[in-house]
PDB file of N, CA and C in Angstrom:
ATOM      1  N   MET A   1      -9.823  -2.226  -3.233  1.00  0.00           N
ATOM      2  CA  MET A   1      -8.261  -2.485  -2.227  1.00  0.00           C
ATOM      3  C   MET A   1      -7.949  -3.162  -3.827  1.00  0.00           C
ATOM      4  N   ASN A   2      -7.854  -3.257  -4.529  1.00  0.00           N
ATOM      5  CA  ASN A   2      -6.978  -3.248  -6.274  1.00  0.00           C
ATOM      6  C   ASN A   2      -7.287  -1.911  -6.092  1.00  0.00           C
ATOM      7  N   GLU A   3      -7.695  -1.331  -6.307  1.00  0.00           N
ATOM      8  CA  GLU A   3      -7.649   0.104  -7.424  1.00  0.00           C
ATOM      9  C   GLU A   3      -6.133   0.705  -6.115  1.00  0.00           C
ATOM     10  N   LEU A   4      -6.288   0.479  -5.044  1.00  0.00           N
ATOM     11  CA  LEU A   4      -4.905   0.522  -4.027  1.00  0.00           C
ATOM     12  C   LEU A   4      -3.310   0.940  -3.886  1.00  0.00           C
ATOM     13  N   ILE A   5      -3.989  -1.308  -4.683  1.00  0.00           N
ATOM     14  CA  ILE A   5      -2.643  -1.299  -5.048  1.00  0.00           C
ATOM     15  C   ILE A   5      -2.164  -1.568  -7.502  1.00  0.00           C
ATOM     16  N   GLU A   6      -3.378  -0.659  -7.932  1.00  0.00           N
ATOM     17  CA  GLU A   6      -2.855  -0.210  -9.529  1.00  0.00           C
ATOM     18  C   GLU A   6      -2.717   0.235  -8.951  1.00  0.00           C
ATOM     19  N   LYS A   7      -3.226   1.568  -8.340  1.00  0.00           N
ATOM     20  CA  LYS A   7      -1.992   3.102  -7.857  1.00  0.00           C
ATOM     21  C   LYS A   7      -0.393   2.907  -7.372  1.00  0.00           C
ATOM     22  N   ILE A   8      -0.944   2.186  -7.065  1.00  0.00           N
ATOM     23  CA  ILE A   8       1.163   1.474  -7.015  1.00  0.00           C
ATOM     24  C   ILE A   8       1.572   0.842  -7.665  1.00  0.00           C
ATOM     25  N   GLU A   9       1.524   0.046  -8.738  1.00  0.00           N
ATOM     26  CA  GLU A   9       1.644   0.038  -9.314  1.00  0.00           C
ATOM     27  C   GLU A   9       2.127   0.897 -10.490  1.00  0.00           C
ATOM     28  N   GLN A  10       0.830   2.159 -11.284  1.00  0.00           N
ATOM     29  CA  GLN A  10       0.965   3.287 -11.788  1.00  0.00           C
ATOM     30  C   GLN A  10       1.993   3.950 -11.289  1.00  0.00           C
ATOM     31  N   THR A  11       2.111   4.324 -10.347  1.00  0.00           N
ATOM     32  CA  THR A  11       3.393   5.507  -9.436  1.00  0.00           C
ATOM     33  C   THR A  11       4.812   4.206  -9.452  1.00  0.00           C
ATOM     34  N   VAL A  12       4.550   3.402  -9.498  1.00  0.00           N
ATOM     35  CA  VAL A  12       6.168   2.571  -9.889  1.00  0.00           C
ATOM     36  C   VAL A  12       7.110   2.868 -11.292  1.00  0.00           C
ATOM     37  N   TYR A  13       5.886   2.689 -11.993  1.00  0.00           N
ATOM     38  CA  TYR A  13       6.105   2.990 -13.649  1.00  0.00           C
ATOM     39  C   TYR A  13       6.503   4.144 -14.285  1.00  0.00           C
ATOM     40  N   GLU A  14       5.229   5.246 -13.320  1.00  0.00           N
ATOM     41  CA  GLU A  14       6.136   6.776 -13.657  1.00  0.00           C
ATOM     42  C   GLU A  14       7.700   6.670 -13.382  1.00  0.00           C
ATOM     43  N   LEU A  15       8.191   5.801 -12.258  1.00  0.00           N
ATOM     44  CA  LEU A  15       9.615   6.458 -11.307  1.00  0.00           C
ATOM     45  C   LEU A  15      10.168   5.680 -12.603  1.00  0.00           C
ATOM     46  N   VAL A  16       9.531   4.131 -12.274  1.00  0.00           N
ATOM     47  CA  VAL A  16      10.933   3.169 -13.425  1.00  0.00           C
ATOM     48  C   VAL A  16      11.427   4.261 -14.571  1.00  0.00           C
ATOM     49  N   GLN A  17      10.219   4.630 -15.040  1.00  0.00           N
ATOM     50  CA  GLN A  17       9.740   5.294 -16.369  1.00  0.00           C
ATOM     51  C   GLN A  17      10.494   6.470 -16.622  1.00  0.00           C
ATOM     52  N   TYR A  18      11.051   6.804 -15.164  1.00  0.00           N
ATOM     53  CA  TYR A  18      11.365   8.597 -14.896  1.00  0.00           C
ATOM     54  C   TYR A  18      11.100   9.400 -15.457  1.00  0.00           C
ATOM     55  N   LYS A  19       9.577   8.830 -15.892  1.00  0.00           N
ATOM     56  CA  LYS A  19       8.582  10.394 -16.193  1.00  0.00           C
ATOM     57  C   LYS A  19       7.955  11.369 -15.159  1.00  0.00           C
ATOM     58  N   MET A  20       8.443  11.936 -14.266  1.00  0.00           N
ATOM     59  CA  MET A  20       8.587  12.669 -13.366  1.00  0.00           C
ATOM     60  C   MET A  20       7.788  12.892 -13.245  1.00  0.00           C
ATOM     61  N   ASN A  21       6.908  14.667 -13.852  1.00  0.00           N
ATOM     62  CA  ASN A  21       6.103  14.695 -13.659  1.00  0.00           C
ATOM     63  C   ASN A  21       4.876  14.634 -12.872  1.00  0.00           C
ATOM     64  N   ASP A  22       4.529  12.901 -13.806  1.00  0.00           N
ATOM     65  CA  ASP A  22       3.320  12.049 -13.681  1.00  0.00           C
ATOM     66  C   ASP A  22       4.020  11.001 -11.712  1.00  0.00           C
ATOM     67  N   TYR A  23       4.690  11.428 -11.739  1.00  0.00           N
ATOM     68  CA  TYR A  23       5.602  10.362 -10.863  1.00  0.00           C
ATOM     69  C   TYR A  23       4.751  10.799  -9.792  1.00  0.00           C
ATOM     70  N   ALA A  24       4.925  12.225 -10.088  1.00  0.00           N
ATOM     71  CA  ALA A  24       4.447  13.100  -8.226  1.00  0.00           C
ATOM     72  C   ALA A  24       2.893  13.785  -8.446  1.00  0.00           C
ATOM     73  N   VAL A  25       2.560  13.291  -9.886  1.00  0.00           N
ATOM     74  CA  VAL A  25       0.599  13.110  -9.593  1.00  0.00           C
ATOM     75  C   VAL A  25       0.616  12.440  -8.881  1.00  0.00           C
ATOM     76  N   CYS A  26       0.880  10.843  -9.121  1.00  0.00           N
ATOM     77  CA  CYS A  26       0.538  10.170  -9.148  1.00  0.00           C
ATOM     78  C   CYS A  26       0.722   9.518  -7.104  1.00  0.00           C
ATOM     79  N   ALA A  27       2.349   9.619  -6.991  1.00  0.00           N
ATOM     80  CA  ALA A  27       2.706  10.375  -5.798  1.00  0.00           C
ATOM     81  C   ALA A  27       2.290  10.369  -4.745  1.00  0.00           C
ATOM     82  N   GLN A  28       1.350  11.880  -5.521  1.00  0.00           N
ATOM     83  CA  GLN A  28      -0.096  12.835  -4.304  1.00  0.00           C
ATOM     84  C   GLN A  28      -0.690  11.357  -4.096  1.00  0.00           C
ATOM     85  N   GLU A  29      -1.344  11.730  -5.036  1.00  0.00           N
ATOM     86  CA  GLU A  29      -2.337  10.437  -5.686  1.00  0.00           C
ATOM     87  C   GLU A  29      -2.615   8.808  -4.469  1.00  0.00           C
ATOM     88  N   LEU A  30      -1.119   8.358  -4.737  1.00  0.00           N
ATOM     89  CA  LEU A  30      -0.876   7.214  -4.493  1.00  0.00           C
ATOM     90  C   LEU A  30      -1.044   7.541  -2.320  1.00  0.00           C
ATOM     91  N   ALA A  31      -0.572   8.900  -1.856  1.00  0.00           N
ATOM     92  CA  ALA A  31      -0.749   9.177  -0.380  1.00  0.00           C
ATOM     93  C   ALA A  31      -1.997   8.880   0.291  1.00  0.00           C
ATOM     94  N   GLU A  32      -2.676  10.262  -0.965  1.00  0.00           N
ATOM     95  CA  GLU A  32      -4.148  10.268   0.011  1.00  0.00           C
ATOM     96  C   GLU A  32      -5.186   9.291   0.220  1.00  0.00           C
ATOM     97  N   MET A  33      -4.758   8.659  -0.978  1.00  0.00           N
ATOM     98  CA  MET A  33      -5.377   7.476  -1.625  1.00  0.00           C
ATOM     99  C   MET A  33      -5.138   6.258   0.931  1.00  0.00           C
ATOM    100  N   LEU A  34      -4.480   6.737  -0.514  1.00  0.00           N
ATOM    101  CA  LEU A  34      -3.347   5.597   1.568  1.00  0.00           C
ATOM    102  C   LEU A  34      -4.035   5.761   3.093  1.00  0.00           C
ATOM    103  N   ILE A  35      -4.364   7.982   2.924  1.00  0.00           N
ATOM    104  CA  ILE A  35      -4.006   8.189   4.296  1.00  0.00           C
ATOM    105  C   ILE A  35      -5.859   7.910   4.324  1.00  0.00           C
ATOM    106  N   SER A  36      -6.478   7.590   3.191  1.00  0.00           N
ATOM    107  CA  SER A  36      -8.294   7.501   3.267  1.00  0.00           C
ATOM    108  C   SER A  36      -8.211   6.200   2.940  1.00  0.00           C
ATOM    109  N   GLU A  37      -7.206   5.508   2.950  1.00  0.00           N
ATOM    110  CA  GLU A  37      -8.122   3.686   2.938  1.00  0.00           C
ATOM    111  C   GLU A  37      -7.538   3.141   3.401  1.00  0.00           C
ATOM    112  N   LEU A  38      -6.147   3.111   4.373  1.00  0.00           N
ATOM    113  CA  LEU A  38      -5.524   2.867   5.214  1.00  0.00           C
ATOM    114  C   LEU A  38      -6.844   2.667   6.633  1.00  0.00           C
ATOM    115  N   PRO A  39      -7.329   3.430   7.400  1.00  0.00           N
ATOM    116  CA  PRO A  39      -7.865   2.799   7.902  1.00  0.00           C
ATOM    117  C   PRO A  39      -9.022   1.841   8.462  1.00  0.00           C
ATOM    118  N   GLY A  40     -10.180   1.836   6.984  1.00  0.00           N
ATOM    119  CA  GLY A  40      -9.962   0.342   6.642  1.00  0.00           C
ATOM    120  C   GLY A  40      -9.790  -0.654   6.639  1.00  0.00           C
ATOM    121  N   VAL A  41      -8.444  -1.012   6.230  1.00  0.00           N
ATOM    122  CA  VAL A  41      -7.568  -1.953   5.996  1.00  0.00           C
ATOM    123  C   VAL A  41      -7.305  -2.516   7.290  1.00  0.00           C
ATOM    124  N   ILE A  42      -7.220  -1.896   7.813  1.00  0.00           N
ATOM    125  CA  ILE A  42      -6.392  -2.108   9.682  1.00  0.00           C
ATOM    126  C   ILE A  42      -8.119  -2.700  10.230  1.00  0.00           C
ATOM    127  N   ASN A  43      -9.034  -1.959  10.013  1.00  0.00           N
ATOM    128  CA  ASN A  43     -10.460  -2.634   9.981  1.00  0.00           C
ATOM    129  C   ASN A  43     -10.833  -3.143   9.254  1.00  0.00           C
ATOM    130  N   TYR A  44     -10.091  -4.259   8.357  1.00  0.00           N
ATOM    131  CA  TYR A  44     -10.555  -5.426   8.381  1.00  0.00           C
ATOM    132  C   TYR A  44     -10.023  -6.675  10.168  1.00  0.00           C
ATOM    133  N   TYR A  45      -8.915  -6.102  10.076  1.00  0.00           N
ATOM    134  CA  TYR A  45      -7.838  -6.860  11.205  1.00  0.00           C
ATOM    135  C   TYR A  45      -9.164  -7.337  12.734  1.00  0.00           C
ATOM    136  N   SER A  46      -9.966  -6.039  13.044  1.00  0.00           N
ATOM    137  CA  SER A  46     -11.385  -6.043  13.514  1.00  0.00           C
ATOM    138  C   SER A  46     -11.686  -7.718  13.284  1.00  0.00           C
ATOM    139  N   ASP A  47     -12.764  -8.056  12.122  1.00  0.00           N
ATOM    140  CA  ASP A  47     -13.250  -9.045  11.944  1.00  0.00           C
ATOM    141  C   ASP A  47     -12.570 -10.708  13.153  1.00  0.00           C
ATOM    142  N   PRO A  48     -13.370 -10.869  13.149  1.00  0.00           N
ATOM    143  CA  PRO A  48     -13.283 -12.041  13.871  1.00  0.00           C
ATOM    144  C   PRO A  48     -12.350 -13.928  13.322  1.00  0.00           C
ATOM    145  N   ARG A  49     -12.629 -13.212  12.116  1.00  0.00           N
ATOM    146  CA  ARG A  49     -12.266 -14.134  11.408  1.00  0.00           C
ATOM    147  C   ARG A  49     -10.755 -14.120  10.969  1.00  0.00           C
ATOM    148  N   MET A  50      -9.896 -12.818  10.836  1.00  0.00           N
ATOM    149  CA  MET A  50      -8.753 -12.869  11.310  1.00  0.00           C
ATOM    150  C   MET A  50      -8.183 -12.132  12.220  1.00  0.00           C
ATOM    151  N   GLN A  51      -8.359 -13.239  13.450  1.00  0.00           N
ATOM    152  CA  GLN A  51      -7.860 -13.376  14.154  1.00  0.00           C
ATOM    153  C   GLN A  51      -6.118 -14.115  14.883  1.00  0.00           C
ATOM    154  N   GLU A  52      -6.043 -15.121  13.746  1.00  0.00           N
ATOM    155  CA  GLU A  52      -4.816 -15.091  13.544  1.00  0.00           C
ATOM    156  C   GLU A  52      -4.105 -14.179  12.823  1.00  0.00           C
ATOM    157  N   PHE A  53      -3.439 -12.418  12.195  1.00  0.00           N
ATOM    158  CA  PHE A  53      -3.472 -11.789  11.501  1.00  0.00           C
ATOM    159  C   PHE A  53      -2.464 -10.355  12.064  1.00  0.00           C
ATOM    160  N   VAL A  54      -3.749 -10.881  13.907  1.00  0.00           N
ATOM    161  CA  VAL A  54      -3.990  -8.989  13.902  1.00  0.00           C
ATOM    162  C   VAL A  54      -3.443  -8.697  14.713  1.00  0.00           C
ATOM    163  N   GLU A  55      -2.206  -9.397  14.561  1.00  0.00           N
ATOM    164  CA  GLU A  55      -0.548  -8.264  14.698  1.00  0.00           C
ATOM    165  C   GLU A  55      -0.860  -7.961  13.969  1.00  0.00           C
ATOM    166  N   ASP A  56      -0.696  -8.114  12.292  1.00  0.00           N
ATOM    167  CA  ASP A  56      -0.264  -7.343  11.425  1.00  0.00           C
ATOM    168  C   ASP A  56      -0.528  -6.452  10.706  1.00  0.00           C
ATOM    169  N   ALA A  57      -2.420  -5.981  11.053  1.00  0.00           N
ATOM    170  CA  ALA A  57      -2.953  -4.379  11.973  1.00  0.00           C
ATOM    171  C   ALA A  57      -1.949  -3.496  12.105  1.00  0.00           C
ATOM    172  N   LYS A  58      -0.968  -3.976  13.284  1.00  0.00           N
ATOM    173  CA  LYS A  58       0.282  -2.707  13.488  1.00  0.00           C
ATOM    174  C   LYS A  58       1.350  -2.501  12.285  1.00  0.00           C
ATOM    175  N   TYR A  59       1.394  -3.511  10.490  1.00  0.00           N
ATOM    176  CA  TYR A  59       2.360  -2.649  10.079  1.00  0.00           C
ATOM    177  C   TYR A  59       1.938  -2.207   8.776  1.00  0.00           C
ATOM    178  N   TRP A  60       0.253  -1.379   9.072  1.00  0.00           N
ATOM    179  CA  TRP A  60       0.428  -0.111   7.836  1.00  0.00           C
ATOM    180  C   TRP A  60       0.258   0.739   8.554  1.00  0.00           C
ATOM    181  N   PRO A  61       0.514   0.721  10.209  1.00  0.00           N
ATOM    182  CA  PRO A  61       0.420   2.585  10.254  1.00  0.00           C
ATOM    183  C   PRO A  61       2.006   3.204  10.276  1.00  0.00           C
ATOM    184  N   ALA A  62       2.754   1.705  10.167  1.00  0.00           N
ATOM    185  CA  ALA A  62       4.525   2.538  10.103  1.00  0.00           C
ATOM    186  C   ALA A  62       4.513   2.325   9.277  1.00  0.00           C
ATOM    187  N   GLN A  63       3.856   1.143   7.992  1.00  0.00           N
ATOM    188  CA  GLN A  63       4.382   1.643   6.431  1.00  0.00           C
ATOM    189  C   GLN A  63       4.243   2.664   6.030  1.00  0.00           C
ATOM    190  N   LEU A  64       2.610   3.734   6.283  1.00  0.00           N
ATOM    191  CA  LEU A  64       2.428   4.421   5.543  1.00  0.00           C
ATOM    192  C   LEU A  64       3.850   5.385   5.695  1.00  0.00           C
ATOM    193  N   GLU A  65       3.837   5.502   7.188  1.00  0.00           N
ATOM    194  CA  GLU A  65       4.851   7.042   7.793  1.00  0.00           C
ATOM    195  C   GLU A  65       6.380   6.235   6.207  1.00  0.00           C
ATOM    196  N   ARG A  66       7.038   4.829   6.538  1.00  0.00           N
ATOM    197  CA  ARG A  66       8.090   4.629   5.350  1.00  0.00           C
ATOM    198  C   ARG A  66       7.933   5.387   3.846  1.00  0.00           C
ATOM    199  N   ILE A  67       6.228   4.712   3.728  1.00  0.00           N
ATOM    200  CA  ILE A  67       6.021   5.204   2.395  1.00  0.00           C
ATOM    201  C   ILE A  67       6.239   7.133   2.045  1.00  0.00           C
ATOM    202  N   LEU A  68       5.497   7.544   3.034  1.00  0.00           N
ATOM    203  CA  LEU A  68       6.054   9.127   2.893  1.00  0.00           C
ATOM    204  C   LEU A  68       6.961  10.042   2.983  1.00  0.00           C
ATOM    205  N   ASN A  69       7.997   9.700   3.557  1.00  0.00           N
ATOM    206  CA  ASN A  69       9.255   9.496   3.836  1.00  0.00           C
ATOM    207  C   ASN A  69      10.251   8.450   2.784  1.00  0.00           C
ATOM    208  N   ALA A  70       9.187   7.292   2.077  1.00  0.00           N
ATOM    209  CA  ALA A  70      10.466   7.139   1.106  1.00  0.00           C
ATOM    210  C   ALA A  70       9.706   8.800  -0.656  1.00  0.00           C
ATOM    211  N   PHE A  71       9.005   9.431  -0.586  1.00  0.00           N
ATOM    212  CA  PHE A  71       8.465   9.818  -1.171  1.00  0.00           C
ATOM    213  C   PHE A  71       9.434  11.107  -1.509  1.00  0.00           C
ATOM    214  N   GLY A  72       9.298  12.152   0.366  1.00  0.00           N
ATOM    215  CA  GLY A  72      10.580  12.573   0.354  1.00  0.00           C
ATOM    216  C   GLY A  72      12.264  12.302  -0.033  1.00  0.00           C
ATOM    217  N   ASP A  73      12.639  11.542   0.379  1.00  0.00           N
ATOM    218  CA  ASP A  73      13.935  11.258   0.399  1.00  0.00           C
ATOM    219  C   ASP A  73      14.684  11.177  -0.913  1.00  0.00           C
ATOM    220  N   GLY A  74      13.944  10.682  -2.104  1.00  0.00           N
ATOM    221  CA  GLY A  74      14.982  10.929  -3.524  1.00  0.00           C
ATOM    222  C   GLY A  74      15.324   9.968  -3.694  1.00  0.00           C
ATOM    223  N   ASP A  75      15.246   8.231  -3.014  1.00  0.00           N
ATOM    224  CA  ASP A  75      16.243   7.574  -3.450  1.00  0.00           C
ATOM    225  C   ASP A  75      15.009   6.007  -3.956  1.00  0.00           C
ATOM    226  N   ASP A  76      14.975   6.414  -5.108  1.00  0.00           N
ATOM    227  CA  ASP A  76      14.003   6.112  -6.382  1.00  0.00           C
ATOM    228  C   ASP A  76      13.823   5.193  -6.240  1.00  0.00           C
ATOM    229  N   LEU A  77      15.559   3.687  -5.585  1.00  0.00           N
ATOM    230  CA  LEU A  77      15.259   1.812  -5.722  1.00  0.00           C
ATOM    231  C   LEU A  77      15.036   1.959  -4.420  1.00  0.00           C
ATOM    232  N   ALA A  78      14.751   3.002  -2.790  1.00  0.00           N
ATOM    233  CA  ALA A  78      13.966   2.472  -2.046  1.00  0.00           C
ATOM    234  C   ALA A  78      12.471   2.823  -2.599  1.00  0.00           C
ATOM    235  N   THR A  79      12.488   3.803  -2.949  1.00  0.00           N
ATOM    236  CA  THR A  79      11.216   4.217  -2.411  1.00  0.00           C
ATOM    237  C   THR A  79      10.479   2.926  -3.972  1.00  0.00           C
ATOM    238  N   ILE A  80      10.549   1.677  -4.493  1.00  0.00           N
ATOM    239  CA  ILE A  80      10.017   1.621  -5.428  1.00  0.00           C
ATOM    240  C   ILE A  80       9.549  -0.333  -4.691  1.00  0.00           C
ATOM    241  N   ASP A  81      11.417  -0.150  -3.396  1.00  0.00           N
ATOM    242  CA  ASP A  81      11.427  -1.581  -2.938  1.00  0.00           C
ATOM    243  C   ASP A  81       9.705  -1.511  -1.707  1.00  0.00           C
ATOM    244  N   ILE A  82       9.786  -0.330  -1.577  1.00  0.00           N
ATOM    245  CA  ILE A  82       9.111   0.256  -0.273  1.00  0.00           C
ATOM    246  C   ILE A  82       7.170  -0.354  -0.611  1.00  0.00           C
ATOM    247  N   LEU A  83       7.030   0.464  -1.884  1.00  0.00           N
ATOM    248  CA  LEU A  83       5.800   0.171  -2.826  1.00  0.00           C
ATOM    249  C   LEU A  83       5.594  -1.245  -3.465  1.00  0.00           C
ATOM    250  N   TYR A  84       6.694  -1.232  -3.978  1.00  0.00           N
ATOM    251  CA  TYR A  84       6.112  -2.846  -4.562  1.00  0.00           C
ATOM    252  C   TYR A  84       6.181  -4.400  -4.525  1.00  0.00           C
ATOM    253  N   ASN A  85       7.312  -3.968  -3.687  1.00  0.00           N
ATOM    254  CA  ASN A  85       8.386  -5.337  -3.105  1.00  0.00           C
ATOM    255  C   ASN A  85       7.224  -5.436  -1.235  1.00  0.00           C
ATOM    256  N   GLU A  86       7.281  -5.015  -0.572  1.00  0.00           N
ATOM    257  CA  GLU A  86       6.456  -4.749   0.004  1.00  0.00           C
ATOM    258  C   GLU A  86       5.043  -4.759   0.295  1.00  0.00           C
ATOM    259  N   THR A  87       4.663  -2.822   0.343  1.00  0.00           N
ATOM    260  CA  THR A  87       3.431  -2.440   0.887  1.00  0.00           C
ATOM    261  C   THR A  87       2.359  -2.829  -0.775  1.00  0.00           C
ATOM    262  N   ARG A  88       2.683  -2.930  -1.445  1.00  0.00           N
ATOM    263  CA  ARG A  88       1.625  -3.985  -2.679  1.00  0.00           C
ATOM    264  C   ARG A  88       2.246  -5.246  -2.549  1.00  0.00           C
ATOM    265  N   ALA A  89       2.944  -6.293  -2.603  1.00  0.00           N
ATOM    266  CA  ALA A  89       2.790  -7.232  -2.006  1.00  0.00           C
ATOM    267  C   ALA A  89       2.235  -8.085  -0.380  1.00  0.00           C
ATOM    268  N   ASN A  90       2.013  -6.738   0.570  1.00  0.00           N
ATOM    269  CA  ASN A  90       1.190  -7.224   1.679  1.00  0.00           C
ATOM    270  C   ASN A  90      -0.514  -7.146   1.688  1.00  0.00           C
ATOM    271  N   LEU A  91      -0.511  -5.575   0.326  1.00  0.00           N
ATOM    272  CA  LEU A  91      -1.848  -6.204   0.113  1.00  0.00           C
ATOM    273  C   LEU A  91      -2.443  -6.567  -1.029  1.00  0.00           C
ATOM    274  N   ILE A  92      -1.177  -7.459  -1.027  1.00  0.00           N
ATOM    275  CA  ILE A  92      -2.480  -8.754  -2.418  1.00  0.00           C
ATOM    276  C   ILE A  92      -2.151  -9.847  -1.502  1.00  0.00           C
ATOM    277  N   GLU A  93      -1.167 -10.188  -0.399  1.00  0.00           N
ATOM    278  CA  GLU A  93      -1.846 -11.372   0.385  1.00  0.00           C
ATOM    279  C   GLU A  93      -2.452 -11.027   1.633  1.00  0.00           C
ATOM    280  N   LEU A  94      -3.248 -10.066   2.129  1.00  0.00           N
ATOM    281  CA  LEU A  94      -4.330  -8.770   2.758  1.00  0.00           C
ATOM    282  C   LEU A  94      -5.185 -10.054   1.626  1.00  0.00           C
ATOM    283  N   ARG A  95      -5.920  -8.798   0.902  1.00  0.00           N
ATOM    284  CA  ARG A  95      -6.863  -9.259   0.190  1.00  0.00           C
ATOM    285  C   ARG A  95      -6.643 -10.461  -0.090  1.00  0.00           C
ATOM    286  N   ASP A  96      -5.526 -11.623  -0.675  1.00  0.00           N
ATOM    287  CA  ASP A  96      -6.001 -13.424  -0.782  1.00  0.00           C
ATOM    288  C   ASP A  96      -6.239 -13.988   1.013  1.00  0.00           C
ATOM    289  N   ASN A  97      -5.882 -13.717   1.849  1.00  0.00           N
ATOM    290  CA  ASN A  97      -6.312 -13.441   3.118  1.00  0.00           C
ATOM    291  C   ASN A  97      -8.830 -12.868   3.698  1.00  0.00           C
ATOM    292  N   LEU A  98      -8.199 -11.842   2.994  1.00  0.00           N
ATOM    293  CA  LEU A  98      -9.300 -12.209   3.519  1.00  0.00           C
ATOM    294  C   LEU A  98     -10.544 -12.318   1.745  1.00  0.00           C
ATOM    295  N   ALA A  99     -10.210 -12.822   1.022  1.00  0.00           N
ATOM    296  CA  ALA A  99     -11.318 -13.660   0.363  1.00  0.00           C
ATOM    297  C   ALA A  99     -11.701 -14.605   0.517  1.00  0.00           C
ATOM    298  N   LYS A 100      -9.844 -15.267   1.659  1.00  0.00           N
ATOM    299  CA  LYS A 100     -10.432 -17.039   1.544  1.00  0.00           C
ATOM    300  C   LYS A 100     -10.614 -17.412   2.839  1.00  0.00           C
ATOM    301  N   LYS A 101     -10.784 -16.161   3.597  1.00  0.00           N
ATOM    302  CA  LYS A 101     -11.744 -15.783   5.005  1.00  0.00           C
ATOM    303  C   LYS A 101     -13.541 -15.976   4.298  1.00  0.00           C
ATOM    304  N   GLY A 102     -13.470 -15.034   3.051  1.00  0.00           N
ATOM    305  CA  GLY A 102     -14.603 -14.751   2.944  1.00  0.00           C
ATOM    306  C   GLY A 102     -15.604 -13.523   3.608  1.00  0.00           C
ATOM    307  N   ILE A 103     -14.186 -13.233   3.620  1.00  0.00           N
ATOM    308  CA  ILE A 103     -14.622 -11.755   3.708  1.00  0.00           C
ATOM    309  C   ILE A 103     -14.527 -10.356   3.134  1.00  0.00           C
ATOM    310  N   LEU A 104     -14.015 -10.663   1.889  1.00  0.00           N
ATOM    311  CA  LEU A 104     -13.975 -10.034   0.334  1.00  0.00           C
ATOM    312  C   LEU A 104     -14.468 -10.068  -0.894  1.00  0.00           C
ATOM    313  N   ARG A 105     -14.605 -10.393  -1.275  1.00  0.00           N
ATOM    314  CA  ARG A 105     -14.954 -10.941  -2.867  1.00  0.00           C
ATOM    315  C   ARG A 105     -14.512 -10.717  -3.475  1.00  0.00           C
TER     316      ARG A 105
END
């Protein structure tokens, strides 16, 4: 999960720096990582210790769609907001909750 958070940070950094070639590479890598890793992220919610957060599992498929649409829309500020302020923040919150529950170290 930390790798995913770091890839989001790198992608946003490249976009903010307007390094569009690097951003394109990072965005592609991030999309591939999300498609690969989100099933595992969603699976965390099936742990009985995460029962109070089980409804949050529905957030991730919709968020993936928002991210992929943002990459194609060309609205850089919306992309930054979706990636950094929403997705990154929610991954950090999930990681912290998993750690508190003893699921993730």
